[in-house]
Amino acid sequence: MRKAKSYQELVDHIANKYNDKVAMLIFEKIELIQNDPFKYPREKLGKDIYGNPMFSIEVTGDIRVLYSVDTKNCIVFIWENGSHKEVYGH
């Protein structure tokens, strides 16, 4: 897993890793999370190791945005299914 230390670093990674269409879909989902993290999730996944609720939003059939939320932070993971699984978090 790679860790972004800033929002800009996460944006740069997504822009470099994915084609424009998929990157825009990911950015749209992240924007929804920024507006209201509890309104748009497709699934509630339970709790993270800190006891914060975790959610999932599907981007494409193979890519999901997983995130956990507390009162100050939102931790975001880009989860890619397939023969190689890579998680990138901020």
PDB file of N, CA and C in Angstrom:
ATOM      1  N   MET A   1       0.839  -1.169   0.000  1.00  0.00           N
ATOM      2  CA  MET A   1       0.000   0.000   0.000  1.00  0.00           C
ATOM      3  C   MET A   1       0.889   1.238   0.000  1.00  0.00           C
ATOM      4  N   ARG A   2       0.543   2.182  -0.823  1.00  0.00           N
ATOM      5  CA  ARG A   2       1.227   3.474  -0.839  1.00  0.00           C
ATOM      6  C   ARG A   2       0.388   4.463  -0.058  1.00  0.00           C
ATOM      7  N   LYS A   3       1.037   5.403   0.562  1.00  0.00           N
ATOM      8  CA  LYS A   3       0.315   6.380   1.374  1.00  0.00           C
ATOM      9  C   LYS A   3       0.555   7.785   0.837  1.00  0.00           C
ATOM     10  N   ALA A   4      -0.534   8.487   0.609  1.00  0.00           N
ATOM     11  CA  ALA A   4      -0.450   9.888   0.203  1.00  0.00           C
ATOM     12  C   ALA A   4      -0.399  10.739   1.457  1.00  0.00           C
ATOM     13  N   LYS A   5       0.471  11.703   1.465  1.00  0.00           N
ATOM     14  CA  LYS A   5       0.589  12.586   2.625  1.00  0.00           C
ATOM     15  C   LYS A   5      -0.267  13.837   2.478  1.00  0.00           C
ATOM     16  N   SER A   6      -0.823  14.031   1.286  1.00  0.00           N
ATOM     17  CA  SER A   6      -1.689  15.184   1.066  1.00  0.00           C
ATOM     18  C   SER A   6      -2.741  14.821   0.022  1.00  0.00           C
ATOM     19  N   TYR A   7      -3.774  15.632  -0.024  1.00  0.00           N
ATOM     20  CA  TYR A   7      -4.818  15.439  -1.022  1.00  0.00           C
ATOM     21  C   TYR A   7      -4.239  15.572  -2.428  1.00  0.00           C
ATOM     22  N   GLN A   8      -3.349  16.536  -2.620  1.00  0.00           N
ATOM     23  CA  GLN A   8      -2.745  16.751  -3.935  1.00  0.00           C
ATOM     24  C   GLN A   8      -1.941  15.534  -4.380  1.00  0.00           C
ATOM     25  N   GLU A   9      -1.241  14.893  -3.468  1.00  0.00           N
ATOM     26  CA  GLU A   9      -0.475  13.692  -3.803  1.00  0.00           C
ATOM     27  C   GLU A   9      -1.408  12.560  -4.246  1.00  0.00           C
ATOM     28  N   LEU A  10      -2.553  12.431  -3.593  1.00  0.00           N
ATOM     29  CA  LEU A  10      -3.542  11.429  -3.993  1.00  0.00           C
ATOM     30  C   LEU A  10      -4.082  11.742  -5.387  1.00  0.00           C
ATOM     31  N   VAL A  11      -4.408  13.003  -5.636  1.00  0.00           N
ATOM     32  CA  VAL A  11      -4.912  13.424  -6.950  1.00  0.00           C
ATOM     33  C   VAL A  11      -3.873  13.143  -8.035  1.00  0.00           C
ATOM     34  N   ASP A  12      -2.617  13.470  -7.776  1.00  0.00           N
ATOM     35  CA  ASP A  12      -1.552  13.224  -8.752  1.00  0.00           C
ATOM     36  C   ASP A  12      -1.413  11.740  -9.058  1.00  0.00           C
ATOM     37  N   HIS A  13      -1.474  10.900  -8.022  1.00  0.00           N
ATOM     38  CA  HIS A  13      -1.353   9.454  -8.238  1.00  0.00           C
ATOM     39  C   HIS A  13      -2.500   8.934  -9.104  1.00  0.00           C
ATOM     40  N   ILE A  14      -3.720   9.356  -8.795  1.00  0.00           N
ATOM     41  CA  ILE A  14      -4.878   8.900  -9.566  1.00  0.00           C
ATOM     42  C   ILE A  14      -4.755   9.356 -11.015  1.00  0.00           C
ATOM     43  N   ALA A  15      -4.362  10.608 -11.237  1.00  0.00           N
ATOM     44  CA  ALA A  15      -4.223  11.140 -12.596  1.00  0.00           C
ATOM     45  C   ALA A  15      -3.147  10.403 -13.385  1.00  0.00           C
ATOM     46  N   ASN A  16      -2.074   9.988 -12.721  1.00  0.00           N
ATOM     47  CA  ASN A  16      -0.988   9.285 -13.406  1.00  0.00           C
ATOM     48  C   ASN A  16      -1.285   7.811 -13.631  1.00  0.00           C
ATOM     49  N   LYS A  17      -2.032   7.187 -12.745  1.00  0.00           N
ATOM     50  CA  LYS A  17      -2.245   5.738 -12.803  1.00  0.00           C
ATOM     51  C   LYS A  17      -3.389   5.336 -13.731  1.00  0.00           C
ATOM     52  N   TYR A  18      -4.458   6.103 -13.761  1.00  0.00           N
ATOM     53  CA  TYR A  18      -5.664   5.706 -14.483  1.00  0.00           C
ATOM     54  C   TYR A  18      -5.870   6.571 -15.719  1.00  0.00           C
ATOM     55  N   ASN A  19      -6.600   6.006 -16.695  1.00  0.00           N
ATOM     56  CA  ASN A  19      -6.921   6.804 -17.877  1.00  0.00           C
ATOM     57  C   ASN A  19      -7.878   7.920 -17.468  1.00  0.00           C
ATOM     58  N   ASP A  20      -8.042   8.903 -18.326  1.00  0.00           N
ATOM     59  CA  ASP A  20      -8.798  10.110 -17.980  1.00  0.00           C
ATOM     60  C   ASP A  20     -10.227   9.813 -17.535  1.00  0.00           C
ATOM     61  N   LYS A  21     -10.895   8.889 -18.222  1.00  0.00           N
ATOM     62  CA  LYS A  21     -12.289   8.582 -17.901  1.00  0.00           C
ATOM     63  C   LYS A  21     -12.412   7.990 -16.498  1.00  0.00           C
ATOM     64  N   VAL A  22     -11.577   7.010 -16.181  1.00  0.00           N
ATOM     65  CA  VAL A  22     -11.620   6.370 -14.862  1.00  0.00           C
ATOM     66  C   VAL A  22     -11.190   7.358 -13.784  1.00  0.00           C
ATOM     67  N   ALA A  23     -10.162   8.152 -14.064  1.00  0.00           N
ATOM     68  CA  ALA A  23      -9.706   9.149 -13.087  1.00  0.00           C
ATOM     69  C   ALA A  23     -10.829  10.130 -12.760  1.00  0.00           C
ATOM     70  N   MET A  24     -11.565  10.577 -13.760  1.00  0.00           N
ATOM     71  CA  MET A  24     -12.673  11.509 -13.513  1.00  0.00           C
ATOM     72  C   MET A  24     -13.770  10.850 -12.681  1.00  0.00           C
ATOM     73  N   LEU A  25     -14.042   9.567 -12.932  1.00  0.00           N
ATOM     74  CA  LEU A  25     -15.031   8.848 -12.123  1.00  0.00           C
ATOM     75  C   LEU A  25     -14.587   8.770 -10.662  1.00  0.00           C
ATOM     76  N   ILE A  26     -13.304   8.492 -10.439  1.00  0.00           N
ATOM     77  CA  ILE A  26     -12.776   8.437  -9.071  1.00  0.00           C
ATOM     78  C   ILE A  26     -12.883   9.809  -8.414  1.00  0.00           C
ATOM     79  N   PHE A  27     -12.509  10.860  -9.141  1.00  0.00           N
ATOM     80  CA  PHE A  27     -12.597  12.218  -8.588  1.00  0.00           C
ATOM     81  C   PHE A  27     -14.042  12.583  -8.232  1.00  0.00           C
ATOM     82  N   GLU A  28     -15.004  12.155  -9.069  1.00  0.00           N
ATOM     83  CA  GLU A  28     -16.414  12.422  -8.774  1.00  0.00           C
ATOM     84  C   GLU A  28     -16.831  11.759  -7.466  1.00  0.00           C
ATOM     85  N   LYS A  29     -16.399  10.518  -7.268  1.00  0.00           N
ATOM     86  CA  LYS A  29     -16.752   9.799  -6.034  1.00  0.00           C
ATOM     87  C   LYS A  29     -16.103  10.453  -4.818  1.00  0.00           C
ATOM     88  N   ILE A  30     -14.865  10.884  -4.951  1.00  0.00           N
ATOM     89  CA  ILE A  30     -14.192  11.551  -3.835  1.00  0.00           C
ATOM     90  C   ILE A  30     -14.885  12.876  -3.512  1.00  0.00           C
ATOM     91  N   GLU A  31     -15.347  13.576  -4.538  1.00  0.00           N
ATOM     92  CA  GLU A  31     -16.075  14.828  -4.304  1.00  0.00           C
ATOM     93  C   GLU A  31     -17.384  14.571  -3.559  1.00  0.00           C
ATOM     94  N   LEU A  32     -18.080  13.485  -3.910  1.00  0.00           N
ATOM     95  CA  LEU A  32     -19.301  13.124  -3.186  1.00  0.00           C
ATOM     96  C   LEU A  32     -19.002  12.866  -1.714  1.00  0.00           C
ATOM     97  N   ILE A  33     -17.892  12.172  -1.458  1.00  0.00           N
ATOM     98  CA  ILE A  33     -17.493  11.878  -0.081  1.00  0.00           C
ATOM     99  C   ILE A  33     -17.189  13.175   0.664  1.00  0.00           C
ATOM    100  N   GLN A  34     -16.519  14.113  -0.006  1.00  0.00           N
ATOM    101  CA  GLN A  34     -16.200  15.394   0.636  1.00  0.00           C
ATOM    102  C   GLN A  34     -17.468  16.165   0.997  1.00  0.00           C
ATOM    103  N   ASN A  35     -18.479  16.102   0.138  1.00  0.00           N
ATOM    104  CA  ASN A  35     -19.725  16.833   0.386  1.00  0.00           C
ATOM    105  C   ASN A  35     -20.515  16.237   1.545  1.00  0.00           C
ATOM    106  N   ASP A  36     -20.687  14.919   1.546  1.00  0.00           N
ATOM    107  CA  ASP A  36     -21.432  14.232   2.612  1.00  0.00           C
ATOM    108  C   ASP A  36     -21.036  12.760   2.607  1.00  0.00           C
ATOM    109  N   PRO A  37     -20.127  12.361   3.481  1.00  0.00           N
ATOM    110  CA  PRO A  37     -19.616  10.987   3.452  1.00  0.00           C
ATOM    111  C   PRO A  37     -20.652   9.923   3.802  1.00  0.00           C
ATOM    112  N   PHE A  38     -21.781  10.308   4.385  1.00  0.00           N
ATOM    113  CA  PHE A  38     -22.780   9.321   4.789  1.00  0.00           C
ATOM    114  C   PHE A  38     -23.936   9.191   3.798  1.00  0.00           C
ATOM    115  N   LYS A  39     -24.024  10.079   2.815  1.00  0.00           N
ATOM    116  CA  LYS A  39     -25.177  10.102   1.915  1.00  0.00           C
ATOM    117  C   LYS A  39     -25.051   9.138   0.735  1.00  0.00           C
ATOM    118  N   TYR A  40     -23.841   8.930   0.215  1.00  0.00           N
ATOM    119  CA  TYR A  40     -23.691   8.242  -1.060  1.00  0.00           C
ATOM    120  C   TYR A  40     -23.094   6.833  -1.028  1.00  0.00           C
ATOM    121  N   PRO A  41     -22.696   6.292   0.114  1.00  0.00           N
ATOM    122  CA  PRO A  41     -22.047   4.978   0.050  1.00  0.00           C
ATOM    123  C   PRO A  41     -23.007   3.891  -0.409  1.00  0.00           C
ATOM    124  N   ARG A  42     -22.462   2.938  -1.151  1.00  0.00           N
ATOM    125  CA  ARG A  42     -23.253   1.812  -1.617  1.00  0.00           C
ATOM    126  C   ARG A  42     -23.359   0.753  -0.535  1.00  0.00           C
ATOM    127  N   GLU A  43     -22.277   0.575   0.216  1.00  0.00           N
ATOM    128  CA  GLU A  43     -22.248  -0.446   1.251  1.00  0.00           C
ATOM    129  C   GLU A  43     -21.618   0.104   2.519  1.00  0.00           C
ATOM    130  N   LYS A  44     -22.131  -0.335   3.641  1.00  0.00           N
ATOM    131  CA  LYS A  44     -21.452  -0.085   4.909  1.00  0.00           C
ATOM    132  C   LYS A  44     -20.654  -1.347   5.205  1.00  0.00           C
ATOM    133  N   LEU A  45     -19.349  -1.194   5.429  1.00  0.00           N
ATOM    134  CA  LEU A  45     -18.458  -2.339   5.566  1.00  0.00           C
ATOM    135  C   LEU A  45     -18.183  -2.732   7.012  1.00  0.00           C
ATOM    136  N   GLY A  46     -18.688  -2.000   7.947  1.00  0.00           N
ATOM    137  CA  GLY A  46     -18.380  -2.283   9.343  1.00  0.00           C
ATOM    138  C   GLY A  46     -17.537  -1.161   9.910  1.00  0.00           C
ATOM    139  N   LYS A  47     -16.558  -1.526  10.739  1.00  0.00           N
ATOM    140  CA  LYS A  47     -15.714  -0.516  11.385  1.00  0.00           C
ATOM    141  C   LYS A  47     -14.245  -0.804  11.103  1.00  0.00           C
ATOM    142  N   ASP A  48     -13.437   0.265  11.056  1.00  0.00           N
ATOM    143  CA  ASP A  48     -11.995   0.092  10.890  1.00  0.00           C
ATOM    144  C   ASP A  48     -11.368  -0.243  12.244  1.00  0.00           C
ATOM    145  N   ILE A  49     -10.053  -0.349  12.289  1.00  0.00           N
ATOM    146  CA  ILE A  49      -9.385  -0.761  13.528  1.00  0.00           C
ATOM    147  C   ILE A  49      -9.529   0.269  14.645  1.00  0.00           C
ATOM    148  N   TYR A  50      -9.922   1.486  14.306  1.00  0.00           N
ATOM    149  CA  TYR A  50     -10.118   2.536  15.304  1.00  0.00           C
ATOM    150  C   TYR A  50     -11.579   2.674  15.727  1.00  0.00           C
ATOM    151  N   GLY A  51     -12.444   1.839  15.167  1.00  0.00           N
ATOM    152  CA  GLY A  51     -13.860   1.889  15.509  1.00  0.00           C
ATOM    153  C   GLY A  51     -14.681   2.854  14.681  1.00  0.00           C
ATOM    154  N   ASN A  52     -14.083   3.432  13.631  1.00  0.00           N
ATOM    155  CA  ASN A  52     -14.797   4.365  12.758  1.00  0.00           C
ATOM    156  C   ASN A  52     -15.558   3.593  11.686  1.00  0.00           C
ATOM    157  N   PRO A  53     -16.733   4.079  11.272  1.00  0.00           N
ATOM    158  CA  PRO A  53     -17.494   3.381  10.236  1.00  0.00           C
ATOM    159  C   PRO A  53     -16.762   3.412   8.894  1.00  0.00           C
ATOM    160  N   MET A  54     -16.835   2.283   8.168  1.00  0.00           N
ATOM    161  CA  MET A  54     -16.221   2.178   6.835  1.00  0.00           C
ATOM    162  C   MET A  54     -17.313   1.991   5.790  1.00  0.00           C
ATOM    163  N   PHE A  55     -17.078   2.583   4.623  1.00  0.00           N
ATOM    164  CA  PHE A  55     -18.045   2.531   3.537  1.00  0.00           C
ATOM    165  C   PHE A  55     -17.348   2.225   2.215  1.00  0.00           C
ATOM    166  N   SER A  56     -18.158   1.876   1.210  1.00  0.00           N
ATOM    167  CA  SER A  56     -17.639   1.569  -0.115  1.00  0.00           C
ATOM    168  C   SER A  56     -18.529   2.218  -1.164  1.00  0.00           C
ATOM    169  N   ILE A  57     -17.892   2.796  -2.183  1.00  0.00           N
ATOM    170  CA  ILE A  57     -18.599   3.318  -3.351  1.00  0.00           C
ATOM    171  C   ILE A  57     -17.952   2.691  -4.580  1.00  0.00           C
ATOM    172  N   GLU A  58     -18.767   2.115  -5.459  1.00  0.00           N
ATOM    173  CA  GLU A  58     -18.243   1.505  -6.680  1.00  0.00           C
ATOM    174  C   GLU A  58     -17.945   2.583  -7.713  1.00  0.00           C
ATOM    175  N   VAL A  59     -16.756   2.493  -8.309  1.00  0.00           N
ATOM    176  CA  VAL A  59     -16.366   3.412  -9.379  1.00  0.00           C
ATOM    177  C   VAL A  59     -16.605   2.722 -10.715  1.00  0.00           C
ATOM    178  N   THR A  60     -16.006   1.553 -10.892  1.00  0.00           N
ATOM    179  CA  THR A  60     -16.246   0.678 -12.039  1.00  0.00           C
ATOM    180  C   THR A  60     -16.418  -0.721 -11.467  1.00  0.00           C
ATOM    181  N   GLY A  61     -16.594  -1.712 -12.316  1.00  0.00           N
ATOM    182  CA  GLY A  61     -16.724  -3.081 -11.829  1.00  0.00           C
ATOM    183  C   GLY A  61     -15.506  -3.558 -11.064  1.00  0.00           C
ATOM    184  N   ASP A  62     -14.339  -3.035 -11.384  1.00  0.00           N
ATOM    185  CA  ASP A  62     -13.092  -3.482 -10.762  1.00  0.00           C
ATOM    186  C   ASP A  62     -12.496  -2.490  -9.771  1.00  0.00           C
ATOM    187  N   ILE A  63     -13.024  -1.297  -9.699  1.00  0.00           N
ATOM    188  CA  ILE A  63     -12.432  -0.259  -8.840  1.00  0.00           C
ATOM    189  C   ILE A  63     -13.488   0.266  -7.877  1.00  0.00           C
ATOM    190  N   ARG A  64     -13.099   0.339  -6.613  1.00  0.00           N
ATOM    191  CA  ARG A  64     -13.967   0.877  -5.576  1.00  0.00           C
ATOM    192  C   ARG A  64     -13.206   1.918  -4.761  1.00  0.00           C
ATOM    193  N   VAL A  65     -13.939   2.847  -4.200  1.00  0.00           N
ATOM    194  CA  VAL A  65     -13.380   3.775  -3.230  1.00  0.00           C
ATOM    195  C   VAL A  65     -13.887   3.304  -1.869  1.00  0.00           C
ATOM    196  N   LEU A  66     -12.960   2.884  -1.010  1.00  0.00           N
ATOM    197  CA  LEU A  66     -13.285   2.502   0.358  1.00  0.00           C
ATOM    198  C   LEU A  66     -12.848   3.653   1.248  1.00  0.00           C
ATOM    199  N   TYR A  67     -13.620   3.947   2.275  1.00  0.00           N
ATOM    200  CA  TYR A  67     -13.219   5.043   3.157  1.00  0.00           C
ATOM    201  C   TYR A  67     -13.799   4.855   4.549  1.00  0.00           C
ATOM    202  N   SER A  68     -13.089   5.424   5.510  1.00  0.00           N
ATOM    203  CA  SER A  68     -13.580   5.461   6.887  1.00  0.00           C
ATOM    204  C   SER A  68     -13.620   6.914   7.330  1.00  0.00           C
ATOM    205  N   VAL A  69     -14.544   7.196   8.246  1.00  0.00           N
ATOM    206  CA  VAL A  69     -14.814   8.576   8.631  1.00  0.00           C
ATOM    207  C   VAL A  69     -14.815   8.704  10.153  1.00  0.00           C
ATOM    208  N   ASP A  70     -14.163   9.757  10.649  1.00  0.00           N
ATOM    209  CA  ASP A  70     -14.343  10.158  12.045  1.00  0.00           C
ATOM    210  C   ASP A  70     -14.680  11.646  12.056  1.00  0.00           C
ATOM    211  N   THR A  71     -14.690  12.269  13.208  1.00  0.00           N
ATOM    212  CA  THR A  71     -15.124  13.668  13.285  1.00  0.00           C
ATOM    213  C   THR A  71     -14.173  14.643  12.603  1.00  0.00           C
ATOM    214  N   LYS A  72     -12.897  14.266  12.435  1.00  0.00           N
ATOM    215  CA  LYS A  72     -11.913  15.179  11.849  1.00  0.00           C
ATOM    216  C   LYS A  72     -11.360  14.720  10.505  1.00  0.00           C
ATOM    217  N   ASN A  73     -11.388  13.418  10.233  1.00  0.00           N
ATOM    218  CA  ASN A  73     -10.691  12.880   9.065  1.00  0.00           C
ATOM    219  C   ASN A  73     -11.560  11.927   8.263  1.00  0.00           C
ATOM    220  N   CYS A  74     -11.155  11.770   7.025  1.00  0.00           N
ATOM    221  CA  CYS A  74     -11.725  10.748   6.159  1.00  0.00           C
ATOM    222  C   CYS A  74     -10.544  10.053   5.497  1.00  0.00           C
ATOM    223  N   ILE A  75     -10.392   8.761   5.758  1.00  0.00           N
ATOM    224  CA  ILE A  75      -9.299   7.990   5.174  1.00  0.00           C
ATOM    225  C   ILE A  75      -9.845   7.279   3.949  1.00  0.00           C
ATOM    226  N   VAL A  76      -9.215   7.506   2.792  1.00  0.00           N
ATOM    227  CA  VAL A  76      -9.706   7.006   1.516  1.00  0.00           C
ATOM    228  C   VAL A  76      -8.738   5.982   0.951  1.00  0.00           C
ATOM    229  N   PHE A  77      -9.296   4.874   0.452  1.00  0.00           N
ATOM    230  CA  PHE A  77      -8.519   3.845  -0.224  1.00  0.00           C
ATOM    231  C   PHE A  77      -9.098   3.646  -1.615  1.00  0.00           C
ATOM    232  N   ILE A  78      -8.229   3.508  -2.600  1.00  0.00           N
ATOM    233  CA  ILE A  78      -8.653   3.143  -3.946  1.00  0.00           C
ATOM    234  C   ILE A  78      -8.345   1.658  -4.076  1.00  0.00           C
ATOM    235  N   TRP A  79      -9.380   0.833  -4.187  1.00  0.00           N
ATOM    236  CA  TRP A  79      -9.219  -0.616  -4.214  1.00  0.00           C
ATOM    237  C   TRP A  79      -9.473  -1.106  -5.628  1.00  0.00           C
ATOM    238  N   GLU A  80      -8.494  -1.796  -6.180  1.00  0.00           N
ATOM    239  CA  GLU A  80      -8.595  -2.309  -7.539  1.00  0.00           C
ATOM    240  C   GLU A  80      -8.587  -3.828  -7.485  1.00  0.00           C
ATOM    241  N   ASN A  81      -9.684  -4.462  -7.916  1.00  0.00           N
ATOM    242  CA  ASN A  81      -9.767  -5.918  -7.958  1.00  0.00           C
ATOM    243  C   ASN A  81      -9.091  -6.440  -9.207  1.00  0.00           C
ATOM    244  N   GLY A  82      -8.629  -7.662  -9.155  1.00  0.00           N
ATOM    245  CA  GLY A  82      -8.015  -8.296 -10.305  1.00  0.00           C
ATOM    246  C   GLY A  82      -6.915  -9.224  -9.866  1.00  0.00           C
ATOM    247  N   SER A  83      -6.113  -9.659 -10.818  1.00  0.00           N
ATOM    248  CA  SER A  83      -5.021 -10.565 -10.497  1.00  0.00           C
ATOM    249  C   SER A  83      -3.972  -9.862  -9.649  1.00  0.00           C
ATOM    250  N   HIS A  84      -3.901  -8.545  -9.758  1.00  0.00           N
ATOM    251  CA  HIS A  84      -3.016  -7.747  -8.908  1.00  0.00           C
ATOM    252  C   HIS A  84      -3.895  -6.770  -8.140  1.00  0.00           C
ATOM    253  N   LYS A  85      -3.808  -6.806  -6.850  1.00  0.00           N
ATOM    254  CA  LYS A  85      -4.604  -5.902  -6.030  1.00  0.00           C
ATOM    255  C   LYS A  85      -3.680  -4.853  -5.460  1.00  0.00           C
ATOM    256  N   GLU A  86      -4.045  -3.614  -5.634  1.00  0.00           N
ATOM    257  CA  GLU A  86      -3.239  -2.512  -5.111  1.00  0.00           C
ATOM    258  C   GLU A  86      -4.153  -1.557  -4.363  1.00  0.00           C
ATOM    259  N   VAL A  87      -3.721  -1.148  -3.231  1.00  0.00           N
ATOM    260  CA  VAL A  87      -4.481  -0.193  -2.439  1.00  0.00           C
ATOM    261  C   VAL A  87      -3.639   1.063  -2.313  1.00  0.00           C
ATOM    262  N   TYR A  88      -4.272   2.207  -2.504  1.00  0.00           N
ATOM    263  CA  TYR A  88      -3.580   3.478  -2.349  1.00  0.00           C
ATOM    264  C   TYR A  88      -4.424   4.302  -1.407  1.00  0.00           C
ATOM    265  N   GLY A  89      -3.876   4.720  -0.328  1.00  0.00           N
ATOM    266  CA  GLY A  89      -4.685   5.401   0.675  1.00  0.00           C
ATOM    267  C   GLY A  89      -4.220   6.795   0.998  1.00  0.00           C
ATOM    268  N   HIS A  90      -5.168   7.594   1.443  1.00  0.00           N
ATOM    269  CA  HIS A  90      -4.869   8.940   1.967  1.00  0.00           C
ATOM    270  C   HIS A  90      -5.763   9.156   3.158  1.00  0.00           C
TER     271      HIS A  90
END
